[in-house]
Amino acid sequence: GRRAEKWDLTGGNAALVARAKGDLERYLNKLEDKARKALEMKRCFRNGVADDRARAAFHSEFPTDHYPAAPLRAYRFTTAGGCMNRRDDAGAPRNPLLKIGFNPDRP
């Protein structure tokens, strides 16, 4: 069946093939890991504020790219409508993702 078929993921891009140095699948897996790490931004925020070390590490590896303003994550329906979207006793969101950029003076 089609599962056994191999697809050309380069799109005819000779530069991509050259960068892969003969192991395209391994190169694309590393590229996927870097993209996922950049978009998820795990451990890049503390108490809703961006960590400067994470930003510096991103810019050292990708000097021409923009640092993401917030993580790209998907909620499950149970999380999106659950108690994690409520605020705690101090008025801050319980969910760490919702604390990013949260200003308690402008709830």
C-alpha atoms as a PDB file:
ATOM      1  CA  GLY A   1       0.000   0.000   0.000  1.00  0.00           C
ATOM      2  CA  ARG A   2       0.844   3.648   0.224  1.00  0.00           C
ATOM      3  CA  ARG A   3       2.492   3.325   3.637  1.00  0.00           C
ATOM      4  CA  ALA A   4       5.565   1.810   2.065  1.00  0.00           C
ATOM      5  CA  GLU A   5       5.915   4.629  -0.487  1.00  0.00           C
ATOM      6  CA  LYS A   6       8.759   7.107  -0.038  1.00  0.00           C
ATOM      7  CA  TRP A   7       7.944  10.760  -0.721  1.00  0.00           C
ATOM      8  CA  ASP A   8      10.416  13.358  -1.911  1.00  0.00           C
ATOM      9  CA  LEU A   9      10.346  15.901   0.909  1.00  0.00           C
ATOM     10  CA  THR A  10      12.908  18.204  -0.674  1.00  0.00           C
ATOM     11  CA  GLY A  11      10.605  19.568  -3.355  1.00  0.00           C
ATOM     12  CA  GLY A  12      13.633  19.594  -5.641  1.00  0.00           C
ATOM     13  CA  ASN A  13      15.480  21.955  -3.282  1.00  0.00           C
ATOM     14  CA  ALA A  14      19.183  21.275  -3.845  1.00  0.00           C
ATOM     15  CA  ALA A  15      20.237  23.504  -0.911  1.00  0.00           C
ATOM     16  CA  LEU A  16      18.135  21.442   1.481  1.00  0.00           C
ATOM     17  CA  VAL A  17      19.694  18.241   0.205  1.00  0.00           C
ATOM     18  CA  ALA A  18      23.183  19.741   0.596  1.00  0.00           C
ATOM     19  CA  ARG A  19      22.449  20.814   4.202  1.00  0.00           C
ATOM     20  CA  ALA A  20      21.168  17.335   5.022  1.00  0.00           C
ATOM     21  CA  LYS A  21      24.559  15.847   4.092  1.00  0.00           C
ATOM     22  CA  GLY A  22      23.129  12.574   2.883  1.00  0.00           C
ATOM     23  CA  ASP A  23      20.698  11.877   5.724  1.00  0.00           C
ATOM     24  CA  LEU A  24      17.605  13.864   4.850  1.00  0.00           C
ATOM     25  CA  GLU A  25      15.272  12.098   7.280  1.00  0.00           C
ATOM     26  CA  ARG A  26      17.573  12.763  10.242  1.00  0.00           C
ATOM     27  CA  TYR A  27      18.010  16.395   9.165  1.00  0.00           C
ATOM     28  CA  LEU A  28      14.246  16.915   8.850  1.00  0.00           C
ATOM     29  CA  ASN A  29      13.675  15.314  12.269  1.00  0.00           C
ATOM     30  CA  LYS A  30      16.174  17.734  13.836  1.00  0.00           C
ATOM     31  CA  LEU A  31      14.516  20.629  12.020  1.00  0.00           C
ATOM     32  CA  GLU A  32      11.102  19.503  13.281  1.00  0.00           C
ATOM     33  CA  ASP A  33      12.414  19.269  16.859  1.00  0.00           C
ATOM     34  CA  LYS A  34      13.838  22.793  16.661  1.00  0.00           C
ATOM     35  CA  ALA A  35      10.597  24.188  15.238  1.00  0.00           C
ATOM     36  CA  ARG A  36       8.506  22.435  17.889  1.00  0.00           C
ATOM     37  CA  LYS A  37      10.819  23.647  20.651  1.00  0.00           C
ATOM     38  CA  ALA A  38      10.594  27.223  19.363  1.00  0.00           C
ATOM     39  CA  LEU A  39       6.804  27.151  19.054  1.00  0.00           C
ATOM     40  CA  GLU A  40       6.071  25.407  22.347  1.00  0.00           C
ATOM     41  CA  MET A  41       8.458  27.684  24.260  1.00  0.00           C
ATOM     42  CA  LYS A  42       8.684  25.316  27.217  1.00  0.00           C
ATOM     43  CA  ARG A  43      10.543  26.801  30.193  1.00  0.00           C
ATOM     44  CA  CYS A  44      10.761  30.191  28.439  1.00  0.00           C
ATOM     45  CA  PHE A  45       8.442  32.017  30.848  1.00  0.00           C
ATOM     46  CA  ARG A  46       8.472  32.486  34.588  1.00  0.00           C
ATOM     47  CA  ASN A  47       5.430  34.004  36.298  1.00  0.00           C
ATOM     48  CA  GLY A  48       4.168  35.196  32.923  1.00  0.00           C
ATOM     49  CA  VAL A  49       7.387  37.026  32.001  1.00  0.00           C
ATOM     50  CA  ALA A  50       9.738  35.927  29.218  1.00  0.00           C
ATOM     51  CA  ASP A  51      13.090  34.541  30.327  1.00  0.00           C
ATOM     52  CA  ASP A  52      15.946  36.552  28.791  1.00  0.00           C
ATOM     53  CA  ARG A  53      18.196  33.474  28.635  1.00  0.00           C
ATOM     54  CA  ALA A  54      15.702  31.645  26.417  1.00  0.00           C
ATOM     55  CA  ARG A  55      15.464  34.679  24.133  1.00  0.00           C
ATOM     56  CA  ALA A  56      19.258  34.970  23.907  1.00  0.00           C
ATOM     57  CA  ALA A  57      19.615  31.250  23.151  1.00  0.00           C
ATOM     58  CA  PHE A  58      16.995  31.527  20.407  1.00  0.00           C
ATOM     59  CA  HIS A  59      18.719  34.531  18.814  1.00  0.00           C
ATOM     60  CA  SER A  60      22.134  32.883  18.975  1.00  0.00           C
ATOM     61  CA  GLU A  61      20.820  29.937  16.960  1.00  0.00           C
ATOM     62  CA  PHE A  62      18.447  31.882  14.687  1.00  0.00           C
ATOM     63  CA  PRO A  63      19.865  35.431  14.447  1.00  0.00           C
ATOM     64  CA  THR A  64      17.597  36.583  11.605  1.00  0.00           C
ATOM     65  CA  ASP A  65      14.331  35.164  12.992  1.00  0.00           C
ATOM     66  CA  HIS A  66      11.844  36.831  15.314  1.00  0.00           C
ATOM     67  CA  TYR A  67      11.388  35.428  18.796  1.00  0.00           C
ATOM     68  CA  PRO A  68       7.779  34.241  19.244  1.00  0.00           C
ATOM     69  CA  ALA A  69       5.633  36.464  21.455  1.00  0.00           C
ATOM     70  CA  ALA A  70       3.811  33.545  23.041  1.00  0.00           C
ATOM     71  CA  PRO A  71       3.793  29.760  22.797  1.00  0.00           C
ATOM     72  CA  LEU A  72       1.723  27.922  20.249  1.00  0.00           C
ATOM     73  CA  ARG A  73      -0.212  25.269  22.116  1.00  0.00           C
ATOM     74  CA  ALA A  74      -3.507  23.536  21.704  1.00  0.00           C
ATOM     75  CA  TYR A  75      -5.906  22.875  24.533  1.00  0.00           C
ATOM     76  CA  ARG A  76      -7.964  19.787  24.950  1.00  0.00           C
ATOM     77  CA  PHE A  77     -11.639  20.531  25.367  1.00  0.00           C
ATOM     78  CA  THR A  78     -11.467  19.393  28.976  1.00  0.00           C
ATOM     79  CA  THR A  79      -8.750  21.959  29.724  1.00  0.00           C
ATOM     80  CA  ALA A  80     -10.269  24.779  27.689  1.00  0.00           C
ATOM     81  CA  GLY A  81     -13.493  24.682  29.662  1.00  0.00           C
ATOM     82  CA  GLY A  82     -12.158  23.473  32.976  1.00  0.00           C
ATOM     83  CA  CYS A  83     -11.221  25.112  36.234  1.00  0.00           C
ATOM     84  CA  MET A  84      -7.704  25.973  34.991  1.00  0.00           C
ATOM     85  CA  ASN A  85      -9.198  28.923  33.102  1.00  0.00           C
ATOM     86  CA  ARG A  86     -10.475  30.460  36.312  1.00  0.00           C
ATOM     87  CA  ARG A  87      -8.471  32.820  38.467  1.00  0.00           C
ATOM     88  CA  ASP A  88      -6.887  32.082  41.799  1.00  0.00           C
ATOM     89  CA  ASP A  89      -7.567  33.979  45.028  1.00  0.00           C
ATOM     90  CA  ALA A  90      -5.063  36.685  44.060  1.00  0.00           C
ATOM     91  CA  GLY A  91      -6.850  37.282  40.744  1.00  0.00           C
ATOM     92  CA  ALA A  92      -4.192  35.701  38.516  1.00  0.00           C
ATOM     93  CA  PRO A  93      -5.022  32.942  36.018  1.00  0.00           C
ATOM     94  CA  ARG A  94      -4.408  29.426  37.338  1.00  0.00           C
ATOM     95  CA  ASN A  95      -3.106  28.211  33.987  1.00  0.00           C
ATOM     96  CA  PRO A  96       0.562  29.106  33.405  1.00  0.00           C
ATOM     97  CA  LEU A  97      -0.100  29.768  29.711  1.00  0.00           C
ATOM     98  CA  LEU A  98      -2.704  32.374  30.509  1.00  0.00           C
ATOM     99  CA  LYS A  99      -0.265  34.175  32.817  1.00  0.00           C
ATOM    100  CA  ILE A 100       1.884  35.186  29.840  1.00  0.00           C
ATOM    101  CA  GLY A 101       1.468  38.913  29.415  1.00  0.00           C
ATOM    102  CA  PHE A 102      -1.202  39.047  32.149  1.00  0.00           C
ATOM    103  CA  ASN A 103      -1.397  42.422  33.846  1.00  0.00           C
ATOM    104  CA  PRO A 104      -3.221  42.273  37.209  1.00  0.00           C
ATOM    105  CA  ASP A 105      -3.998  45.979  36.930  1.00  0.00           C
ATOM    106  CA  ARG A 106      -5.947  45.329  33.723  1.00  0.00           C
ATOM    107  CA  PRO A 107      -7.753  42.010  34.241  1.00  0.00           C
END
